[in-house]
Amino acid sequence: MPLSPLDIHNKEFTRGFRGYAEDEVNEFLDQVIKDYEIILREKKELEDQVQTMIEKMNHYNSLEDTLQKSIVVAQEAADEVRRNSQKEAKLIVKEAEKNADRIINDALTKARKVTIEIDELKKQSKVFRNRFKMLVEAQLDLLNTGDWDHLLEYDVDLTDIQDQHRSDEDEAASTDSTPSY
């Protein structure tokens, strides 16, 4: 067991025949006691510091372990997010391609219908044009016949028309008064 300053202070030496001077020994022992107490205090402080450092080191080691685990978890989460994002991006691209194909097919179908309608309208316009041409030509033929000249030769007097109209009325009146059976 190590000596304490009290052990040094209480130490009694036996007296010998030509021993050392007692005052000098006591002074030296007092100095040793003081120095020993200082050393013990410094030792205690250093031990306390070492203990504090060990606790801090353990704390920092624990933090380091926690941080490393957190980094691993974060990396795994980032990998999972990246995988999910890639899957989602692929699904979005597929959906967009499907929509694009559908839109293109719809547009092609509409374009075909419009083309068919245009062709039908062209046919109808040709038929109309031909019929209209035939009608105009027929009317021109009528205009070019001599019948028009013949109509211009008629000379009708207004009195003749009035006489004709009266006779038509008289005849109609006589027919209406006849009793019918």
Protein backbone atom coordinates (compact mmCIF):
# COMPACT_ATOMS: atom_id res chain seq x y z
CA MET A 1 0.00 0.00 0.00
CA PRO A 2 1.44 3.42 -0.96
CA LEU A 3 2.46 5.91 1.68
CA SER A 4 0.24 8.83 2.53
CA PRO A 5 1.49 12.24 3.69
CA LEU A 6 0.07 11.37 7.11
CA ASP A 7 2.14 8.16 7.19
CA ILE A 8 5.26 10.21 6.48
CA HIS A 9 4.33 12.77 9.13
CA ASN A 10 3.66 10.17 11.83
CA LYS A 11 6.74 8.11 11.10
CA GLU A 12 8.95 7.82 14.18
CA PHE A 13 12.54 6.85 13.89
CA THR A 14 14.48 5.18 16.63
CA ARG A 15 17.31 7.16 18.08
CA GLY A 16 20.74 5.94 17.53
CA PHE A 17 24.07 6.87 18.95
CA ARG A 18 25.34 9.32 16.45
CA GLY A 19 22.14 9.79 14.51
CA TYR A 20 21.18 12.57 12.19
CA ALA A 21 20.25 15.97 13.41
CA GLU A 22 16.60 15.74 14.33
CA ASP A 23 15.62 19.23 13.15
CA GLU A 24 17.09 18.70 9.71
CA VAL A 25 15.34 15.37 9.37
CA ASN A 26 12.04 16.93 10.49
CA GLU A 27 12.45 19.83 8.05
CA PHE A 28 13.27 17.43 5.25
CA LEU A 29 10.26 15.25 6.16
CA ASP A 30 8.02 18.35 6.19
CA GLN A 31 9.26 19.25 2.72
CA VAL A 32 8.72 15.66 1.52
CA ILE A 33 5.18 15.73 2.99
CA LYS A 34 4.35 18.97 1.14
CA ASP A 35 5.80 17.75 -2.13
CA TYR A 36 4.12 14.38 -1.71
CA GLU A 37 0.74 16.06 -1.06
CA ILE A 38 1.23 18.20 -4.20
CA ILE A 39 2.08 15.13 -6.23
CA LEU A 40 -0.92 13.22 -4.88
CA ARG A 41 -3.24 16.19 -5.65
CA GLU A 42 -1.80 16.46 -9.17
CA LYS A 43 -2.18 12.71 -9.57
CA LYS A 44 -5.84 12.93 -8.45
CA GLU A 45 -6.47 15.83 -10.86
CA LEU A 46 -4.81 13.95 -13.68
CA GLU A 47 -6.83 10.83 -12.88
CA ASP A 48 -10.01 12.95 -12.89
CA GLN A 49 -8.97 14.47 -16.23
CA VAL A 50 -8.22 11.01 -17.61
CA GLN A 51 -11.61 9.79 -16.41
CA THR A 52 -13.32 12.83 -18.01
CA MET A 53 -11.39 12.24 -21.22
CA ILE A 54 -12.35 8.56 -21.20
CA GLU A 55 -16.01 9.52 -20.70
CA LYS A 56 -15.79 12.08 -23.52
CA MET A 57 -14.01 9.55 -25.73
CA ASN A 58 -16.72 6.98 -24.99
CA HIS A 59 -19.36 9.62 -25.75
CA TYR A 60 -17.63 10.55 -29.01
CA ASN A 61 -17.19 6.89 -29.91
CA SER A 62 -20.89 6.39 -29.29
CA LEU A 63 -21.66 9.44 -31.44
CA GLU A 64 -19.35 8.12 -34.14
CA ASP A 65 -21.12 4.74 -34.09
CA THR A 66 -24.50 6.47 -34.22
CA LEU A 67 -23.36 8.71 -37.07
CA GLN A 68 -21.97 5.74 -39.00
CA LYS A 69 -25.24 3.87 -38.53
CA SER A 70 -27.16 7.00 -39.54
CA ILE A 71 -24.98 7.34 -42.64
CA VAL A 72 -25.63 3.72 -43.54
CA VAL A 73 -29.39 4.17 -43.00
CA ALA A 74 -29.36 7.42 -45.00
CA GLN A 75 -27.42 5.75 -47.81
CA GLU A 76 -29.88 2.85 -47.87
CA ALA A 77 -32.79 5.29 -47.87
CA ALA A 78 -31.20 7.29 -50.68
CA ASP A 79 -30.67 4.08 -52.66
CA GLU A 80 -34.30 3.12 -52.09
CA VAL A 81 -35.49 6.58 -53.12
CA ARG A 82 -33.30 6.41 -56.24
CA ARG A 83 -34.67 2.96 -57.14
CA ASN A 84 -38.25 4.11 -56.58
CA SER A 85 -37.62 7.27 -58.60
CA GLN A 86 -36.19 5.22 -61.45
CA LYS A 87 -39.20 2.88 -61.36
CA GLU A 88 -41.59 5.83 -61.29
CA ALA A 89 -39.73 7.54 -64.12
CA LYS A 90 -39.97 4.36 -66.21
CA LEU A 91 -43.71 4.14 -65.50
CA ILE A 92 -44.17 7.80 -66.43
CA VAL A 93 -42.24 7.29 -69.67
CA LYS A 94 -44.30 4.19 -70.53
CA GLU A 95 -47.53 6.03 -69.79
CA ALA A 96 -46.39 9.01 -71.86
CA GLU A 97 -45.46 6.69 -74.74
CA LYS A 98 -48.88 5.02 -74.53
CA ASN A 99 -50.60 8.42 -74.52
CA ALA A 100 -48.43 9.60 -77.41
CA ASP A 101 -49.26 6.46 -79.40
CA ARG A 102 -52.96 6.88 -78.64
CA ILE A 103 -52.86 10.56 -79.64
CA ILE A 104 -50.99 9.74 -82.85
CA ASN A 105 -53.42 6.94 -83.69
CA ASP A 106 -56.39 9.22 -83.01
CA ALA A 107 -54.84 11.92 -85.18
CA LEU A 108 -54.17 9.43 -87.99
CA THR A 109 -57.74 8.14 -87.76
CA LYS A 110 -59.11 11.69 -87.91
CA ALA A 111 -56.78 12.52 -90.79
CA ARG A 112 -58.03 9.46 -92.69
CA LYS A 113 -61.66 10.47 -92.04
CA VAL A 114 -60.96 14.02 -93.18
CA THR A 115 -59.21 12.71 -96.30
CA ILE A 116 -62.20 10.48 -97.07
CA GLU A 117 -64.59 13.40 -96.49
CA ILE A 118 -62.48 15.63 -98.76
CA ASP A 119 -62.52 12.99 -101.48
CA GLU A 120 -66.30 12.63 -101.09
CA LEU A 121 -66.74 16.41 -101.27
CA LYS A 122 -64.59 16.51 -104.40
CA LYS A 123 -66.77 13.86 -106.00
CA GLN A 124 -69.93 15.68 -104.96
CA SER A 125 -68.58 18.99 -106.27
CA LYS A 126 -67.77 17.34 -109.64
CA VAL A 127 -71.28 15.88 -109.82
CA PHE A 128 -72.82 19.24 -108.87
CA ARG A 129 -70.64 21.06 -111.36
CA ASN A 130 -71.60 18.66 -114.14
CA ARG A 131 -75.33 18.89 -113.29
CA PHE A 132 -75.16 22.66 -113.01
CA LYS A 133 -73.30 22.82 -116.32
CA MET A 134 -75.93 20.62 -117.94
CA LEU A 135 -78.70 22.78 -116.50
CA VAL A 136 -77.06 25.99 -117.72
CA GLU A 137 -76.43 24.45 -121.14
CA ALA A 138 -80.07 23.30 -121.31
CA GLN A 139 -81.23 26.81 -120.42
CA LEU A 140 -78.88 28.28 -123.03
CA ASP A 141 -80.27 25.85 -125.58
CA LEU A 142 -83.76 27.05 -124.71
CA LEU A 143 -82.66 30.63 -125.11
CA ASN A 144 -81.08 29.89 -128.43
CA THR A 145 -84.19 28.21 -129.92
CA GLY A 146 -86.46 30.15 -132.24
CA ASP A 147 -89.44 29.88 -129.89
CA TRP A 148 -88.46 33.13 -128.21
CA ASP A 149 -88.66 34.98 -131.47
CA HIS A 150 -92.11 33.50 -132.08
CA LEU A 151 -93.32 34.78 -128.67
CA LEU A 152 -92.24 38.26 -129.53
CA GLU A 153 -94.44 38.18 -132.65
CA TYR A 154 -97.65 37.83 -130.63
CA ASP A 155 -99.62 40.99 -130.57
CA VAL A 156 -102.37 40.80 -128.01
CA ASP A 157 -104.75 43.59 -127.40
CA LEU A 158 -105.98 44.32 -123.87
CA THR A 159 -109.59 44.33 -124.97
CA ASP A 160 -109.22 40.83 -126.36
CA ILE A 161 -107.93 39.60 -122.99
CA GLN A 162 -110.80 41.27 -121.14
CA ASP A 163 -113.38 39.77 -123.48
CA GLN A 164 -111.82 36.37 -123.12
CA HIS A 165 -111.84 36.71 -119.34
CA ARG A 166 -115.56 37.65 -119.26
CA SER A 167 -116.58 34.74 -121.37
CA ASP A 168 -114.63 32.41 -119.09
CA GLU A 169 -116.48 33.84 -116.08
CA ASP A 170 -119.89 33.46 -117.72
CA GLU A 171 -119.22 29.89 -118.56
CA ALA A 172 -118.07 29.17 -115.03
CA ALA A 173 -121.20 30.78 -113.59
CA SER A 174 -123.54 28.75 -115.78
CA THR A 175 -121.81 25.55 -114.70
CA ASP A 176 -122.15 26.40 -111.02
CA SER A 177 -125.94 27.06 -111.23
CA THR A 178 -126.65 23.64 -112.69
CA PRO A 179 -128.02 21.40 -109.97
CA SER A 180 -126.04 18.31 -109.44
CA TYR A 181 -127.62 14.98 -108.73
